[in-house]
Amino acid sequence: MNPSYHILVSLGDGPKHGYAIMRDVATRTEGEIEILPGTLYSTIKRLIAERAIEECPAPDEQEGGFSDERRRYYRLTAIGRAAVLEETDRMAMLIRLARKKGFATSR
């Protein structure tokens, strides 16, 4: 499991707070991947330092509405979006190579 990749993908459709990221990853992977809080927040800290994500106002706050001040929201940056695309392409290439060697079923 690569928690960075899953967090970046989770933020691909808009800003989320930490719990929403954990829930999105679990839902998208049908429970196969679970990111626990310790891993989530240490990875978020590193992704912020790498400028792949950034803190942002809550979506409701951006629209002038109410938001929960206790939660921190994060959004993908251009650097983060490029990292997701690069990693997705890399994994797709690995799958193609594995299929050529008979390690995966062809589609």
PDB file of N, CA and C in Angstrom:
ATOM      1  N   MET A   1       0.839  -1.186   0.000  1.00  0.00           N
ATOM      2  CA  MET A   1       0.000   0.000   0.000  1.00  0.00           C
ATOM      3  C   MET A   1       0.881   1.245   0.000  1.00  0.00           C
ATOM      4  N   ASN A   2       0.494   2.193  -0.789  1.00  0.00           N
ATOM      5  CA  ASN A   2       1.189   3.472  -0.826  1.00  0.00           C
ATOM      6  C   ASN A   2       0.204   4.534  -0.322  1.00  0.00           C
ATOM      7  N   PRO A   3       0.274   4.906   0.957  1.00  0.00           N
ATOM      8  CA  PRO A   3      -0.716   5.843   1.486  1.00  0.00           C
ATOM      9  C   PRO A   3      -0.696   7.192   0.771  1.00  0.00           C
ATOM     10  N   SER A   4       0.479   7.626   0.341  1.00  0.00           N
ATOM     11  CA  SER A   4       0.555   8.914  -0.364  1.00  0.00           C
ATOM     12  C   SER A   4      -0.324   8.897  -1.606  1.00  0.00           C
ATOM     13  N   TYR A   5      -0.194   7.850  -2.395  1.00  0.00           N
ATOM     14  CA  TYR A   5      -0.976   7.739  -3.626  1.00  0.00           C
ATOM     15  C   TYR A   5      -2.478   7.776  -3.320  1.00  0.00           C
ATOM     16  N   HIS A   6      -2.903   7.010  -2.337  1.00  0.00           N
ATOM     17  CA  HIS A   6      -4.334   6.951  -2.010  1.00  0.00           C
ATOM     18  C   HIS A   6      -4.856   8.293  -1.498  1.00  0.00           C
ATOM     19  N   ILE A   7      -4.047   8.990  -0.740  1.00  0.00           N
ATOM     20  CA  ILE A   7      -4.464  10.311  -0.246  1.00  0.00           C
ATOM     21  C   ILE A   7      -4.575  11.290  -1.412  1.00  0.00           C
ATOM     22  N   LEU A   8      -3.612  11.273  -2.301  1.00  0.00           N
ATOM     23  CA  LEU A   8      -3.655  12.182  -3.456  1.00  0.00           C
ATOM     24  C   LEU A   8      -4.862  11.873  -4.336  1.00  0.00           C
ATOM     25  N   VAL A   9      -5.120  10.602  -4.580  1.00  0.00           N
ATOM     26  CA  VAL A   9      -6.288  10.226  -5.400  1.00  0.00           C
ATOM     27  C   VAL A   9      -7.574  10.683  -4.703  1.00  0.00           C
ATOM     28  N   SER A  10      -7.629  10.501  -3.393  1.00  0.00           N
ATOM     29  CA  SER A  10      -8.825  10.904  -2.642  1.00  0.00           C
ATOM     30  C   SER A  10      -9.118  12.392  -2.800  1.00  0.00           C
ATOM     31  N   LEU A  11      -8.072  13.200  -2.873  1.00  0.00           N
ATOM     32  CA  LEU A  11      -8.260  14.647  -2.995  1.00  0.00           C
ATOM     33  C   LEU A  11      -8.486  15.086  -4.441  1.00  0.00           C
ATOM     34  N   GLY A  12      -8.486  14.156  -5.360  1.00  0.00           N
ATOM     35  CA  GLY A  12      -8.648  14.482  -6.775  1.00  0.00           C
ATOM     36  C   GLY A  12      -9.981  15.110  -7.119  1.00  0.00           C
ATOM     37  N   ASP A  13     -11.013  14.807  -6.345  1.00  0.00           N
ATOM     38  CA  ASP A  13     -12.327  15.378  -6.653  1.00  0.00           C
ATOM     39  C   ASP A  13     -12.721  16.525  -5.729  1.00  0.00           C
ATOM     40  N   GLY A  14     -11.762  17.050  -4.968  1.00  0.00           N
ATOM     41  CA  GLY A  14     -12.055  18.214  -4.149  1.00  0.00           C
ATOM     42  C   GLY A  14     -11.476  18.113  -2.756  1.00  0.00           C
ATOM     43  N   PRO A  15     -11.475  19.218  -2.019  1.00  0.00           N
ATOM     44  CA  PRO A  15     -10.905  19.244  -0.668  1.00  0.00           C
ATOM     45  C   PRO A  15     -11.639  18.294   0.280  1.00  0.00           C
ATOM     46  N   LYS A  16     -10.870  17.742   1.203  1.00  0.00           N
ATOM     47  CA  LYS A  16     -11.451  16.868   2.233  1.00  0.00           C
ATOM     48  C   LYS A  16     -10.674  17.050   3.530  1.00  0.00           C
ATOM     49  N   HIS A  17     -11.331  16.744   4.635  1.00  0.00           N
ATOM     50  CA  HIS A  17     -10.638  16.682   5.926  1.00  0.00           C
ATOM     51  C   HIS A  17     -10.128  15.257   6.125  1.00  0.00           C
ATOM     52  N   GLY A  18      -9.301  15.070   7.152  1.00  0.00           N
ATOM     53  CA  GLY A  18      -8.641  13.787   7.355  1.00  0.00           C
ATOM     54  C   GLY A  18      -9.578  12.596   7.427  1.00  0.00           C
ATOM     55  N   TYR A  19     -10.641  12.705   8.215  1.00  0.00           N
ATOM     56  CA  TYR A  19     -11.561  11.578   8.357  1.00  0.00           C
ATOM     57  C   TYR A  19     -12.223  11.247   7.019  1.00  0.00           C
ATOM     58  N   ALA A  20     -12.569  12.271   6.245  1.00  0.00           N
ATOM     59  CA  ALA A  20     -13.189  12.034   4.932  1.00  0.00           C
ATOM     60  C   ALA A  20     -12.214  11.328   3.993  1.00  0.00           C
ATOM     61  N   ILE A  21     -10.929  11.659   4.098  1.00  0.00           N
ATOM     62  CA  ILE A  21      -9.922  10.971   3.274  1.00  0.00           C
ATOM     63  C   ILE A  21      -9.876   9.492   3.662  1.00  0.00           C
ATOM     64  N   MET A  22      -9.815   9.211   4.960  1.00  0.00           N
ATOM     65  CA  MET A  22      -9.768   7.814   5.408  1.00  0.00           C
ATOM     66  C   MET A  22     -11.000   7.053   4.924  1.00  0.00           C
ATOM     67  N   ARG A  23     -12.166   7.668   5.054  1.00  0.00           N
ATOM     68  CA  ARG A  23     -13.425   7.040   4.637  1.00  0.00           C
ATOM     69  C   ARG A  23     -13.441   6.819   3.121  1.00  0.00           C
ATOM     70  N   ASP A  24     -12.976   7.804   2.347  1.00  0.00           N
ATOM     71  CA  ASP A  24     -12.964   7.689   0.891  1.00  0.00           C
ATOM     72  C   ASP A  24     -12.063   6.538   0.440  1.00  0.00           C
ATOM     73  N   VAL A  25     -10.889   6.432   1.035  1.00  0.00           N
ATOM     74  CA  VAL A  25      -9.960   5.357   0.661  1.00  0.00           C
ATOM     75  C   VAL A  25     -10.595   3.994   0.965  1.00  0.00           C
ATOM     76  N   ALA A  26     -11.170   3.856   2.145  1.00  0.00           N
ATOM     77  CA  ALA A  26     -11.797   2.582   2.515  1.00  0.00           C
ATOM     78  C   ALA A  26     -12.953   2.244   1.578  1.00  0.00           C
ATOM     79  N   THR A  27     -13.754   3.238   1.208  1.00  0.00           N
ATOM     80  CA  THR A  27     -14.896   3.007   0.313  1.00  0.00           C
ATOM     81  C   THR A  27     -14.420   2.655  -1.088  1.00  0.00           C
ATOM     82  N   ARG A  28     -13.490   3.436  -1.624  1.00  0.00           N
ATOM     83  CA  ARG A  28     -12.998   3.202  -2.989  1.00  0.00           C
ATOM     84  C   ARG A  28     -12.339   1.841  -3.135  1.00  0.00           C
ATOM     85  N   THR A  29     -11.661   1.367  -2.090  1.00  0.00           N
ATOM     86  CA  THR A  29     -10.959   0.086  -2.163  1.00  0.00           C
ATOM     87  C   THR A  29     -11.798  -1.043  -1.575  1.00  0.00           C
ATOM     88  N   GLU A  30     -13.074  -0.766  -1.335  1.00  0.00           N
ATOM     89  CA  GLU A  30     -14.005  -1.755  -0.762  1.00  0.00           C
ATOM     90  C   GLU A  30     -13.434  -2.380   0.503  1.00  0.00           C
ATOM     91  N   GLY A  31     -12.809  -1.559   1.331  1.00  0.00           N
ATOM     92  CA  GLY A  31     -12.286  -2.004   2.620  1.00  0.00           C
ATOM     93  C   GLY A  31     -10.951  -2.719   2.546  1.00  0.00           C
ATOM     94  N   GLU A  32     -10.407  -2.887   1.357  1.00  0.00           N
ATOM     95  CA  GLU A  32      -9.117  -3.578   1.211  1.00  0.00           C
ATOM     96  C   GLU A  32      -7.968  -2.754   1.800  1.00  0.00           C
ATOM     97  N   ILE A  33      -8.088  -1.439   1.722  1.00  0.00           N
ATOM     98  CA  ILE A  33      -7.035  -0.565   2.237  1.00  0.00           C
ATOM     99  C   ILE A  33      -7.627   0.368   3.270  1.00  0.00           C
ATOM    100  N   GLU A  34      -7.003   0.379   4.427  1.00  0.00           N
ATOM    101  CA  GLU A  34      -7.430   1.244   5.519  1.00  0.00           C
ATOM    102  C   GLU A  34      -6.220   2.062   5.960  1.00  0.00           C
ATOM    103  N   ILE A  35      -6.360   3.371   5.930  1.00  0.00           N
ATOM    104  CA  ILE A  35      -5.284   4.239   6.398  1.00  0.00           C
ATOM    105  C   ILE A  35      -5.643   4.682   7.807  1.00  0.00           C
ATOM    106  N   LEU A  36      -4.813   4.312   8.751  1.00  0.00           N
ATOM    107  CA  LEU A  36      -5.070   4.664  10.145  1.00  0.00           C
ATOM    108  C   LEU A  36      -4.589   6.089  10.416  1.00  0.00           C
ATOM    109  N   PRO A  37      -5.130   6.726  11.462  1.00  0.00           N
ATOM    110  CA  PRO A  37      -4.803   8.142  11.707  1.00  0.00           C
ATOM    111  C   PRO A  37      -3.312   8.447  11.797  1.00  0.00           C
ATOM    112  N   GLY A  38      -2.530   7.607  12.448  1.00  0.00           N
ATOM    113  CA  GLY A  38      -1.089   7.872  12.571  1.00  0.00           C
ATOM    114  C   GLY A  38      -0.413   7.946  11.213  1.00  0.00           C
ATOM    115  N   THR A  39      -0.752   7.011  10.347  1.00  0.00           N
ATOM    116  CA  THR A  39      -0.193   7.002   8.990  1.00  0.00           C
ATOM    117  C   THR A  39      -0.744   8.165   8.185  1.00  0.00           C
ATOM    118  N   LEU A  40      -2.035   8.415   8.314  1.00  0.00           N
ATOM    119  CA  LEU A  40      -2.671   9.495   7.550  1.00  0.00           C
ATOM    120  C   LEU A  40      -2.009  10.837   7.838  1.00  0.00           C
ATOM    121  N   TYR A  41      -1.917  11.193   9.104  1.00  0.00           N
ATOM    122  CA  TYR A  41      -1.444  12.544   9.421  1.00  0.00           C
ATOM    123  C   TYR A  41       0.065  12.706   9.225  1.00  0.00           C
ATOM    124  N   SER A  42       0.828  11.632   9.415  1.00  0.00           N
ATOM    125  CA  SER A  42       2.265  11.753   9.112  1.00  0.00           C
ATOM    126  C   SER A  42       2.470  11.872   7.598  1.00  0.00           C
ATOM    127  N   THR A  43       1.647  11.174   6.821  1.00  0.00           N
ATOM    128  CA  THR A  43       1.762  11.272   5.359  1.00  0.00           C
ATOM    129  C   THR A  43       1.281  12.637   4.878  1.00  0.00           C
ATOM    130  N   ILE A  44       0.206  13.144   5.454  1.00  0.00           N
ATOM    131  CA  ILE A  44      -0.283  14.481   5.096  1.00  0.00           C
ATOM    132  C   ILE A  44       0.806  15.523   5.381  1.00  0.00           C
ATOM    133  N   LYS A  45       1.451  15.405   6.527  1.00  0.00           N
ATOM    134  CA  LYS A  45       2.520  16.348   6.879  1.00  0.00           C
ATOM    135  C   LYS A  45       3.623  16.326   5.825  1.00  0.00           C
ATOM    136  N   ARG A  46       4.004  15.116   5.400  1.00  0.00           N
ATOM    137  CA  ARG A  46       5.063  14.995   4.387  1.00  0.00           C
ATOM    138  C   ARG A  46       4.589  15.542   3.036  1.00  0.00           C
ATOM    139  N   LEU A  47       3.340  15.259   2.663  1.00  0.00           N
ATOM    140  CA  LEU A  47       2.813  15.745   1.372  1.00  0.00           C
ATOM    141  C   LEU A  47       2.730  17.275   1.355  1.00  0.00           C
ATOM    142  N   ILE A  48       2.435  17.876   2.502  1.00  0.00           N
ATOM    143  CA  ILE A  48       2.425  19.346   2.585  1.00  0.00           C
ATOM    144  C   ILE A  48       3.849  19.877   2.407  1.00  0.00           C
ATOM    145  N   ALA A  49       4.815  19.224   3.072  1.00  0.00           N
ATOM    146  CA  ALA A  49       6.218  19.657   2.935  1.00  0.00           C
ATOM    147  C   ALA A  49       6.698  19.533   1.489  1.00  0.00           C
ATOM    148  N   GLU A  50       6.204  18.535   0.780  1.00  0.00           N
ATOM    149  CA  GLU A  50       6.570  18.334  -0.635  1.00  0.00           C
ATOM    150  C   GLU A  50       5.727  19.200  -1.574  1.00  0.00           C
ATOM    151  N   ARG A  51       4.797  19.945  -1.012  1.00  0.00           N
ATOM    152  CA  ARG A  51       3.884  20.830  -1.746  1.00  0.00           C
ATOM    153  C   ARG A  51       2.965  20.079  -2.719  1.00  0.00           C
ATOM    154  N   ALA A  52       2.693  18.806  -2.384  1.00  0.00           N
ATOM    155  CA  ALA A  52       1.764  18.013  -3.190  1.00  0.00           C
ATOM    156  C   ALA A  52       0.319  18.296  -2.786  1.00  0.00           C
ATOM    157  N   ILE A  53       0.123  18.689  -1.529  1.00  0.00           N
ATOM    158  CA  ILE A  53      -1.190  19.117  -1.043  1.00  0.00           C
ATOM    159  C   ILE A  53      -0.991  20.367  -0.200  1.00  0.00           C
ATOM    160  N   GLU A  54      -2.097  21.034   0.088  1.00  0.00           N
ATOM    161  CA  GLU A  54      -2.033  22.209   0.945  1.00  0.00           C
ATOM    162  C   GLU A  54      -3.308  22.317   1.764  1.00  0.00           C
ATOM    163  N   GLU A  55      -3.195  22.967   2.899  1.00  0.00           N
ATOM    164  CA  GLU A  55      -4.396  23.229   3.688  1.00  0.00           C
ATOM    165  C   GLU A  55      -5.215  24.280   2.965  1.00  0.00           C
ATOM    166  N   CYS A  56      -6.517  24.220   3.151  1.00  0.00           N
ATOM    167  CA  CYS A  56      -7.398  25.173   2.490  1.00  0.00           C
ATOM    168  C   CYS A  56      -8.627  25.404   3.367  1.00  0.00           C
ATOM    169  N   PRO A  57      -9.384  26.449   3.084  1.00  0.00           N
ATOM    170  CA  PRO A  57     -10.623  26.656   3.831  1.00  0.00           C
ATOM    171  C   PRO A  57     -11.601  25.507   3.580  1.00  0.00           C
ATOM    172  N   ALA A  58     -12.474  25.268   4.529  1.00  0.00           N
ATOM    173  CA  ALA A  58     -13.504  24.252   4.341  1.00  0.00           C
ATOM    174  C   ALA A  58     -14.366  24.635   3.144  1.00  0.00           C
ATOM    175  N   PRO A  59     -14.850  23.645   2.400  1.00  0.00           N
ATOM    176  CA  PRO A  59     -15.675  23.959   1.219  1.00  0.00           C
ATOM    177  C   PRO A  59     -16.832  24.893   1.537  1.00  0.00           C
ATOM    178  N   ASP A  60     -17.527  24.695   2.648  1.00  0.00           N
ATOM    179  CA  ASP A  60     -18.653  25.576   3.004  1.00  0.00           C
ATOM    180  C   ASP A  60     -18.171  27.002   3.265  1.00  0.00           C
ATOM    181  N   GLU A  61     -16.991  27.088   3.901  1.00  0.00           N
ATOM    182  CA  GLU A  61     -16.419  28.386   4.222  1.00  0.00           C
ATOM    183  C   GLU A  61     -16.069  29.161   2.945  1.00  0.00           C
ATOM    184  N   GLN A  62     -15.631  28.438   1.921  1.00  0.00           N
ATOM    185  CA  GLN A  62     -15.297  29.062   0.650  1.00  0.00           C
ATOM    186  C   GLN A  62     -16.538  29.678   0.001  1.00  0.00           C
ATOM    187  N   GLU A  63     -17.701  29.090   0.305  1.00  0.00           N
ATOM    188  CA  GLU A  63     -18.955  29.570  -0.280  1.00  0.00           C
ATOM    189  C   GLU A  63     -19.696  30.496   0.668  1.00  0.00           C
ATOM    190  N   GLY A  64     -19.057  30.891   1.777  1.00  0.00           N
ATOM    191  CA  GLY A  64     -19.671  31.815   2.713  1.00  0.00           C
ATOM    192  C   GLY A  64     -20.581  31.170   3.734  1.00  0.00           C
ATOM    193  N   GLY A  65     -20.577  29.848   3.823  1.00  0.00           N
ATOM    194  CA  GLY A  65     -21.453  29.152   4.749  1.00  0.00           C
ATOM    195  C   GLY A  65     -20.754  28.748   6.023  1.00  0.00           C
ATOM    196  N   PHE A  66     -21.357  27.837   6.766  1.00  0.00           N
ATOM    197  CA  PHE A  66     -20.838  27.356   8.037  1.00  0.00           C
ATOM    198  C   PHE A  66     -19.843  26.230   7.810  1.00  0.00           C
ATOM    199  N   SER A  67     -18.802  26.186   8.616  1.00  0.00           N
ATOM    200  CA  SER A  67     -17.883  25.060   8.570  1.00  0.00           C
ATOM    201  C   SER A  67     -17.489  24.681   9.986  1.00  0.00           C
ATOM    202  N   ASP A  68     -16.979  23.475  10.135  1.00  0.00           N
ATOM    203  CA  ASP A  68     -16.513  22.983  11.418  1.00  0.00           C
ATOM    204  C   ASP A  68     -15.066  23.432  11.593  1.00  0.00           C
ATOM    205  N   GLU A  69     -14.852  24.361  12.518  1.00  0.00           N
ATOM    206  CA  GLU A  69     -13.518  24.943  12.696  1.00  0.00           C
ATOM    207  C   GLU A  69     -12.503  23.949  13.236  1.00  0.00           C
ATOM    208  N   ARG A  70     -12.988  22.844  13.798  1.00  0.00           N
ATOM    209  CA  ARG A  70     -12.074  21.856  14.366  1.00  0.00           C
ATOM    210  C   ARG A  70     -11.362  21.043  13.293  1.00  0.00           C
ATOM    211  N   ARG A  71     -11.907  21.038  12.111  1.00  0.00           N
ATOM    212  CA  ARG A  71     -11.334  20.199  11.047  1.00  0.00           C
ATOM    213  C   ARG A  71     -10.429  21.004  10.131  1.00  0.00           C
ATOM    214  N   ARG A  72      -9.370  20.332   9.716  1.00  0.00           N
ATOM    215  CA  ARG A  72      -8.473  20.926   8.719  1.00  0.00           C
ATOM    216  C   ARG A  72      -8.760  20.263   7.379  1.00  0.00           C
ATOM    217  N   TYR A  73      -8.872  21.086   6.372  1.00  0.00           N
ATOM    218  CA  TYR A  73      -9.140  20.582   5.027  1.00  0.00           C
ATOM    219  C   TYR A  73      -7.882  20.681   4.181  1.00  0.00           C
ATOM    220  N   TYR A  74      -7.776  19.753   3.243  1.00  0.00           N
ATOM    221  CA  TYR A  74      -6.607  19.686   2.368  1.00  0.00           C
ATOM    222  C   TYR A  74      -7.079  19.590   0.928  1.00  0.00           C
ATOM    223  N   ARG A  75      -6.270  20.163   0.041  1.00  0.00           N
ATOM    224  CA  ARG A  75      -6.573  20.039  -1.385  1.00  0.00           C
ATOM    225  C   ARG A  75      -5.301  19.711  -2.152  1.00  0.00           C
ATOM    226  N   LEU A  76      -5.521  19.129  -3.306  1.00  0.00           N
ATOM    227  CA  LEU A  76      -4.433  18.742  -4.193  1.00  0.00           C
ATOM    228  C   LEU A  76      -3.846  19.983  -4.850  1.00  0.00           C
ATOM    229  N   THR A  77      -2.529  20.000  -5.036  1.00  0.00           N
ATOM    230  CA  THR A  77      -1.879  21.083  -5.776  1.00  0.00           C
ATOM    231  C   THR A  77      -1.524  20.561  -7.175  1.00  0.00           C
ATOM    232  N   ALA A  78      -1.018  21.427  -8.007  1.00  0.00           N
ATOM    233  CA  ALA A  78      -0.586  20.996  -9.347  1.00  0.00           C
ATOM    234  C   ALA A  78       0.534  19.959  -9.231  1.00  0.00           C
ATOM    235  N   ILE A  79       1.404  20.130  -8.243  1.00  0.00           N
ATOM    236  CA  ILE A  79       2.485  19.155  -8.023  1.00  0.00           C
ATOM    237  C   ILE A  79       1.901  17.796  -7.637  1.00  0.00           C
ATOM    238  N   GLY A  80       0.907  17.814  -6.767  1.00  0.00           N
ATOM    239  CA  GLY A  80       0.262  16.573  -6.348  1.00  0.00           C
ATOM    240  C   GLY A  80      -0.473  15.892  -7.488  1.00  0.00           C
ATOM    241  N   ARG A  81      -1.158  16.691  -8.300  1.00  0.00           N
ATOM    242  CA  ARG A  81      -1.883  16.126  -9.445  1.00  0.00           C
ATOM    243  C   ARG A  81      -0.896  15.477 -10.433  1.00  0.00           C
ATOM    244  N   ALA A  82       0.235  16.126 -10.668  1.00  0.00           N
ATOM    245  CA  ALA A  82       1.247  15.554 -11.560  1.00  0.00           C
ATOM    246  C   ALA A  82       1.811  14.264 -10.973  1.00  0.00           C
ATOM    247  N   ALA A  83       1.986  14.210  -9.650  1.00  0.00           N
ATOM    248  CA  ALA A  83       2.507  12.999  -9.000  1.00  0.00           C
ATOM    249  C   ALA A  83       1.529  11.840  -9.153  1.00  0.00           C
ATOM    250  N   VAL A  84       0.233  12.111  -9.016  1.00  0.00           N
ATOM    251  CA  VAL A  84      -0.778  11.048  -9.184  1.00  0.00           C
ATOM    252  C   VAL A  84      -0.751  10.525 -10.613  1.00  0.00           C
ATOM    253  N   LEU A  85      -0.707  11.420 -11.578  1.00  0.00           N
ATOM    254  CA  LEU A  85      -0.694  10.998 -12.980  1.00  0.00           C
ATOM    255  C   LEU A  85       0.557  10.163 -13.277  1.00  0.00           C
ATOM    256  N   GLU A  86       1.700  10.605 -12.777  1.00  0.00           N
ATOM    257  CA  GLU A  86       2.952   9.874 -13.014  1.00  0.00           C
ATOM    258  C   GLU A  86       2.910   8.480 -12.395  1.00  0.00           C
ATOM    259  N   GLU A  87       2.440   8.393 -11.157  1.00  0.00           N
ATOM    260  CA  GLU A  87       2.377   7.092 -10.478  1.00  0.00           C
ATOM    261  C   GLU A  87       1.356   6.174 -11.139  1.00  0.00           C
ATOM    262  N   THR A  88       0.232   6.711 -11.574  1.00  0.00           N
ATOM    263  CA  THR A  88      -0.780   5.897 -12.262  1.00  0.00           C
ATOM    264  C   THR A  88      -0.209   5.347 -13.567  1.00  0.00           C
ATOM    265  N   ASP A  89       0.482   6.176 -14.319  1.00  0.00           N
ATOM    266  CA  ASP A  89       1.114   5.717 -15.563  1.00  0.00           C
ATOM    267  C   ASP A  89       2.156   4.644 -15.276  1.00  0.00           C
ATOM    268  N   ARG A  90       2.945   4.837 -14.200  1.00  0.00           N
ATOM    269  CA  ARG A  90       3.969   3.850 -13.841  1.00  0.00           C
ATOM    270  C   ARG A  90       3.335   2.503 -13.498  1.00  0.00           C
ATOM    271  N   MET A  91       2.238   2.529 -12.717  1.00  0.00           N
ATOM    272  CA  MET A  91       1.573   1.279 -12.350  1.00  0.00           C
ATOM    273  C   MET A  91       0.944   0.615 -13.574  1.00  0.00           C
ATOM    274  N   ALA A  92       0.383   1.415 -14.483  1.00  0.00           N
ATOM    275  CA  ALA A  92      -0.215   0.858 -15.702  1.00  0.00           C
ATOM    276  C   ALA A  92       0.857   0.156 -16.535  1.00  0.00           C
ATOM    277  N   MET A  93       2.049   0.754 -16.611  1.00  0.00           N
ATOM    278  CA  MET A  93       3.146   0.140 -17.357  1.00  0.00           C
ATOM    279  C   MET A  93       3.541  -1.190 -16.712  1.00  0.00           C
ATOM    280  N   LEU A  94       3.621  -1.229 -15.378  1.00  0.00           N
ATOM    281  CA  LEU A  94       3.984  -2.463 -14.681  1.00  0.00           C
ATOM    282  C   LEU A  94       2.959  -3.561 -14.943  1.00  0.00           C
ATOM    283  N   ILE A  95       1.689  -3.206 -14.972  1.00  0.00           N
ATOM    284  CA  ILE A  95       0.635  -4.189 -15.244  1.00  0.00           C
ATOM    285  C   ILE A  95       0.772  -4.720 -16.674  1.00  0.00           C
ATOM    286  N   ARG A  96       1.032  -3.817 -17.621  1.00  0.00           N
ATOM    287  CA  ARG A  96       1.218  -4.261 -19.013  1.00  0.00           C
ATOM    288  C   ARG A  96       2.393  -5.240 -19.113  1.00  0.00           C
ATOM    289  N   LEU A  97       3.498  -4.931 -18.435  1.00  0.00           N
ATOM    290  CA  LEU A  97       4.667  -5.801 -18.469  1.00  0.00           C
ATOM    291  C   LEU A  97       4.374  -7.158 -17.820  1.00  0.00           C
ATOM    292  N   ALA A  98       3.651  -7.137 -16.706  1.00  0.00           N
ATOM    293  CA  ALA A  98       3.295  -8.390 -16.025  1.00  0.00           C
ATOM    294  C   ALA A  98       2.395  -9.236 -16.903  1.00  0.00           C
ATOM    295  N   ARG A  99       1.452  -8.616 -17.592  1.00  0.00           N
ATOM    296  CA  ARG A  99       0.553  -9.366 -18.473  1.00  0.00           C
ATOM    297  C   ARG A  99       1.317 -10.003 -19.625  1.00  0.00           C
ATOM    298  N   LYS A 100       2.301  -9.306 -20.139  1.00  0.00           N
ATOM    299  CA  LYS A 100       3.106  -9.873 -21.230  1.00  0.00           C
ATOM    300  C   LYS A 100       3.852 -11.127 -20.776  1.00  0.00           C
ATOM    301  N   LYS A 101       4.160 -11.202 -19.497  1.00  0.00           N
ATOM    302  CA  LYS A 101       4.858 -12.368 -18.945  1.00  0.00           C
ATOM    303  C   LYS A 101       3.897 -13.416 -18.391  1.00  0.00           C
ATOM    304  N   GLY A 102       2.599 -13.183 -18.563  1.00  0.00           N
ATOM    305  CA  GLY A 102       1.605 -14.155 -18.122  1.00  0.00           C
ATOM    306  C   GLY A 102       1.285 -14.108 -16.645  1.00  0.00           C
ATOM    307  N   PHE A 103       1.659 -13.031 -15.952  1.00  0.00           N
ATOM    308  CA  PHE A 103       1.382 -12.929 -14.524  1.00  0.00           C
ATOM    309  C   PHE A 103       0.045 -12.308 -14.203  1.00  0.00           C
ATOM    310  N   ALA A 104      -0.697 -11.909 -15.202  1.00  0.00           N
ATOM    311  CA  ALA A 104      -2.018 -11.337 -14.966  1.00  0.00           C
ATOM    312  C   ALA A 104      -2.897 -11.716 -16.148  1.00  0.00           C
ATOM    313  N   THR A 105      -4.169 -11.706 -15.920  1.00  0.00           N
ATOM    314  CA  THR A 105      -5.079 -12.039 -17.007  1.00  0.00           C
ATOM    315  C   THR A 105      -5.148 -10.876 -17.987  1.00  0.00           C
ATOM    316  N   SER A 106      -5.317 -11.170 -19.250  1.00  0.00           N
ATOM    317  CA  SER A 106      -5.453 -10.132 -20.273  1.00  0.00           C
ATOM    318  C   SER A 106      -6.893  -9.670 -20.350  1.00  0.00           C
ATOM    319  N   ARG A 107      -7.063  -8.422 -20.723  1.00  0.00           N
ATOM    320  CA  ARG A 107      -8.421  -7.893 -20.916  1.00  0.00           C
ATOM    321  C   ARG A 107      -8.577  -7.448 -22.330  1.00  0.00           C
TER     322      ARG A 107
END
